């Protein structure tokens, strides 16, 4: 059951991202949303949460990479 659910989730992502890429409108793709959410987009005016947002993104990506590369040891 979980394999099918994850496959559906991945398929939904591919459809959504595919439509966003096809439309070529600013702010449609996941990357553009992440850049906006974590204040890494060009021209973003830093505020008092910018460092925290960027730290959360870097920490999550570091953990996720280690988690995948070590077979779940982290």
N, C-alpha and C. Protein backbone atom coordinates (compact mmCIF):
# COMPACT_ATOMS: atom_id res chain seq x y z
N UNK A 1 0.82 -1.19 0.00
CA UNK A 1 0.00 0.00 0.00
C UNK A 1 0.87 1.27 0.00
N UNK A 2 1.93 1.29 0.81
CA UNK A 2 2.76 2.48 0.88
C UNK A 2 3.55 2.70 -0.41
N UNK A 3 3.95 1.63 -1.05
CA UNK A 3 4.66 1.77 -2.33
C UNK A 3 3.77 2.47 -3.35
N UNK A 4 2.52 2.06 -3.41
CA UNK A 4 1.57 2.69 -4.34
C UNK A 4 1.34 4.15 -3.97
N UNK A 5 1.24 4.44 -2.67
CA UNK A 5 1.02 5.82 -2.24
C UNK A 5 2.21 6.71 -2.59
N UNK A 6 3.44 6.20 -2.37
CA UNK A 6 4.63 6.99 -2.73
C UNK A 6 4.72 7.16 -4.24
N UNK A 7 4.39 6.14 -4.99
CA UNK A 7 4.40 6.25 -6.45
C UNK A 7 3.39 7.30 -6.91
N UNK A 8 2.22 7.33 -6.29
CA UNK A 8 1.20 8.33 -6.65
C UNK A 8 1.69 9.73 -6.29
N UNK A 9 2.36 9.87 -5.15
CA UNK A 9 2.89 11.16 -4.74
C UNK A 9 3.94 11.65 -5.74
N UNK A 10 4.82 10.76 -6.16
CA UNK A 10 5.85 11.12 -7.14
C UNK A 10 5.22 11.47 -8.47
N UNK A 11 4.21 10.71 -8.89
CA UNK A 11 3.52 11.01 -10.14
C UNK A 11 2.84 12.37 -10.07
N UNK A 12 2.19 12.67 -8.94
CA UNK A 12 1.54 13.97 -8.79
C UNK A 12 2.57 15.09 -8.87
N UNK A 13 3.72 14.92 -8.22
CA UNK A 13 4.78 15.92 -8.30
C UNK A 13 5.21 16.12 -9.75
N UNK A 14 5.41 15.02 -10.47
CA UNK A 14 5.86 15.12 -11.87
C UNK A 14 4.84 15.86 -12.73
N UNK A 15 3.57 15.60 -12.51
CA UNK A 15 2.52 16.30 -13.27
C UNK A 15 2.53 17.79 -12.93
N UNK A 16 2.54 18.12 -11.64
CA UNK A 16 2.51 19.52 -11.22
C UNK A 16 3.74 20.27 -11.73
N UNK A 17 4.92 19.69 -11.54
CA UNK A 17 6.16 20.34 -11.99
C UNK A 17 6.20 20.42 -13.51
N UNK A 18 5.72 19.38 -14.18
CA UNK A 18 5.68 19.40 -15.65
C UNK A 18 4.81 20.52 -16.18
N UNK A 19 3.65 20.70 -15.59
CA UNK A 19 2.76 21.80 -15.99
C UNK A 19 3.43 23.14 -15.72
N UNK A 20 4.06 23.26 -14.56
CA UNK A 20 4.75 24.51 -14.21
C UNK A 20 5.87 24.82 -15.21
N UNK A 21 6.63 23.81 -15.58
CA UNK A 21 7.71 24.01 -16.55
C UNK A 21 7.17 24.37 -17.93
N UNK A 22 6.08 23.74 -18.30
CA UNK A 22 5.48 24.00 -19.61
C UNK A 22 4.95 25.43 -19.69
N UNK A 23 4.31 25.89 -18.61
CA UNK A 23 3.73 27.24 -18.59
C UNK A 23 4.79 28.33 -18.61
N UNK A 24 5.92 28.07 -17.99
CA UNK A 24 7.03 29.03 -17.94
C UNK A 24 6.64 30.37 -17.31
N UNK A 25 5.75 30.32 -16.33
CA UNK A 25 5.36 31.53 -15.62
C UNK A 25 6.20 31.66 -14.35
N UNK A 26 6.57 32.85 -13.97
CA UNK A 26 7.35 33.03 -12.74
C UNK A 26 6.58 32.54 -11.52
N UNK A 27 7.28 31.83 -10.64
CA UNK A 27 6.68 31.39 -9.39
C UNK A 27 5.89 30.09 -9.45
N UNK A 28 6.00 29.34 -10.54
CA UNK A 28 5.22 28.10 -10.68
C UNK A 28 5.94 26.86 -10.16
N UNK A 29 7.26 26.79 -10.34
CA UNK A 29 7.97 25.54 -10.03
C UNK A 29 8.27 25.40 -8.54
N UNK A 30 8.57 24.19 -8.13
CA UNK A 30 8.94 23.95 -6.74
C UNK A 30 10.18 24.74 -6.37
N UNK A 31 11.15 24.77 -7.27
CA UNK A 31 12.38 25.53 -6.99
C UNK A 31 12.07 26.99 -6.68
N UNK A 32 11.23 27.59 -7.48
CA UNK A 32 10.90 29.00 -7.27
C UNK A 32 10.17 29.21 -5.93
N UNK A 33 9.34 28.26 -5.56
CA UNK A 33 8.67 28.36 -4.26
C UNK A 33 9.68 28.21 -3.12
N UNK A 34 10.59 27.26 -3.23
CA UNK A 34 11.61 27.07 -2.19
C UNK A 34 12.47 28.32 -2.07
N UNK A 35 12.87 28.88 -3.20
CA UNK A 35 13.67 30.10 -3.16
C UNK A 35 12.94 31.23 -2.45
N UNK A 36 11.65 31.34 -2.69
CA UNK A 36 10.86 32.38 -2.04
C UNK A 36 10.66 32.08 -0.55
N UNK A 37 10.27 30.84 -0.22
CA UNK A 37 10.01 30.47 1.17
C UNK A 37 11.24 30.62 2.06
N UNK A 38 12.43 30.29 1.50
CA UNK A 38 13.65 30.29 2.30
C UNK A 38 14.53 31.52 2.02
N UNK A 39 13.97 32.51 1.35
CA UNK A 39 14.65 33.79 1.10
C UNK A 39 15.98 33.60 0.37
N UNK A 40 16.02 32.76 -0.63
CA UNK A 40 17.24 32.60 -1.42
C UNK A 40 17.07 33.13 -2.84
N UNK A 41 15.89 33.62 -3.17
CA UNK A 41 15.65 34.17 -4.51
C UNK A 41 16.45 35.46 -4.69
N UNK A 42 16.88 35.69 -5.92
CA UNK A 42 17.60 36.92 -6.21
C UNK A 42 16.70 38.11 -5.91
N UNK A 43 17.27 39.10 -5.28
CA UNK A 43 16.52 40.31 -4.96
C UNK A 43 15.69 40.22 -3.70
N UNK A 44 15.77 39.10 -2.98
CA UNK A 44 15.02 38.97 -1.74
C UNK A 44 15.58 39.92 -0.69
N UNK A 45 14.70 40.67 -0.07
CA UNK A 45 15.12 41.57 0.99
C UNK A 45 15.13 40.78 2.30
N UNK A 46 16.31 40.63 2.91
CA UNK A 46 16.39 39.87 4.16
C UNK A 46 15.55 40.51 5.25
N UNK A 47 14.95 39.67 6.07
CA UNK A 47 14.25 40.17 7.25
C UNK A 47 14.80 39.43 8.46
N UNK A 48 14.15 39.55 9.60
CA UNK A 48 14.71 38.95 10.81
C UNK A 48 14.63 37.44 10.83
N UNK A 49 13.88 36.82 9.89
CA UNK A 49 13.79 35.36 9.85
C UNK A 49 14.64 34.74 8.75
N UNK A 50 15.33 35.55 7.97
CA UNK A 50 16.07 35.03 6.81
C UNK A 50 17.13 34.02 7.21
N UNK A 51 17.95 34.33 8.20
CA UNK A 51 19.01 33.40 8.61
C UNK A 51 18.42 32.09 9.12
N UNK A 52 17.35 32.17 9.88
CA UNK A 52 16.70 30.96 10.37
C UNK A 52 16.14 30.13 9.23
N UNK A 53 15.47 30.77 8.29
CA UNK A 53 14.92 30.05 7.13
C UNK A 53 16.02 29.34 6.36
N UNK A 54 17.11 30.05 6.10
CA UNK A 54 18.22 29.45 5.34
C UNK A 54 18.88 28.33 6.12
N UNK A 55 19.02 28.49 7.44
CA UNK A 55 19.59 27.42 8.26
C UNK A 55 18.71 26.19 8.22
N UNK A 56 17.41 26.35 8.32
CA UNK A 56 16.48 25.22 8.27
C UNK A 56 16.62 24.49 6.94
N UNK A 57 16.71 25.23 5.85
CA UNK A 57 16.86 24.60 4.53
C UNK A 57 18.16 23.83 4.43
N UNK A 58 19.27 24.43 4.83
CA UNK A 58 20.57 23.76 4.76
C UNK A 58 20.61 22.55 5.68
N UNK A 59 20.09 22.68 6.89
CA UNK A 59 20.09 21.56 7.83
C UNK A 59 19.25 20.41 7.31
N UNK A 60 18.08 20.71 6.76
CA UNK A 60 17.21 19.66 6.22
C UNK A 60 17.87 18.96 5.04
N UNK A 61 18.45 19.73 4.13
CA UNK A 61 19.08 19.13 2.95
C UNK A 61 20.30 18.29 3.35
N UNK A 62 21.06 18.74 4.34
CA UNK A 62 22.21 17.97 4.82
C UNK A 62 21.74 16.67 5.45
N UNK A 63 20.71 16.75 6.31
CA UNK A 63 20.18 15.54 6.93
C UNK A 63 19.62 14.59 5.88
N UNK A 64 18.85 15.09 4.94
CA UNK A 64 18.24 14.23 3.92
C UNK A 64 19.31 13.53 3.08
N UNK A 65 20.34 14.27 2.70
CA UNK A 65 21.44 13.67 1.94
C UNK A 65 22.12 12.56 2.74
N UNK A 66 22.46 12.85 3.98
CA UNK A 66 23.10 11.84 4.84
C UNK A 66 22.18 10.65 5.06
N UNK A 67 20.91 10.91 5.25
CA UNK A 67 19.92 9.85 5.47
C UNK A 67 19.87 8.90 4.27
N UNK A 68 19.80 9.45 3.09
CA UNK A 68 19.73 8.62 1.88
C UNK A 68 21.04 7.90 1.60
N UNK A 69 22.16 8.60 1.81
CA UNK A 69 23.46 8.04 1.46
C UNK A 69 23.93 6.97 2.45
N UNK A 70 23.41 6.98 3.66
CA UNK A 70 23.86 6.01 4.67
C UNK A 70 22.84 4.91 4.91
N UNK A 71 21.79 4.88 4.11
CA UNK A 71 20.79 3.84 4.29
C UNK A 71 19.95 4.02 5.54
N UNK A 72 19.81 5.24 6.01
CA UNK A 72 18.95 5.53 7.14
C UNK A 72 19.65 5.56 8.49
N UNK A 73 20.98 5.55 8.49
CA UNK A 73 21.70 5.63 9.77
C UNK A 73 21.54 6.99 10.43
N UNK A 74 21.20 7.99 9.65
CA UNK A 74 20.98 9.35 10.18
C UNK A 74 19.55 9.76 9.94
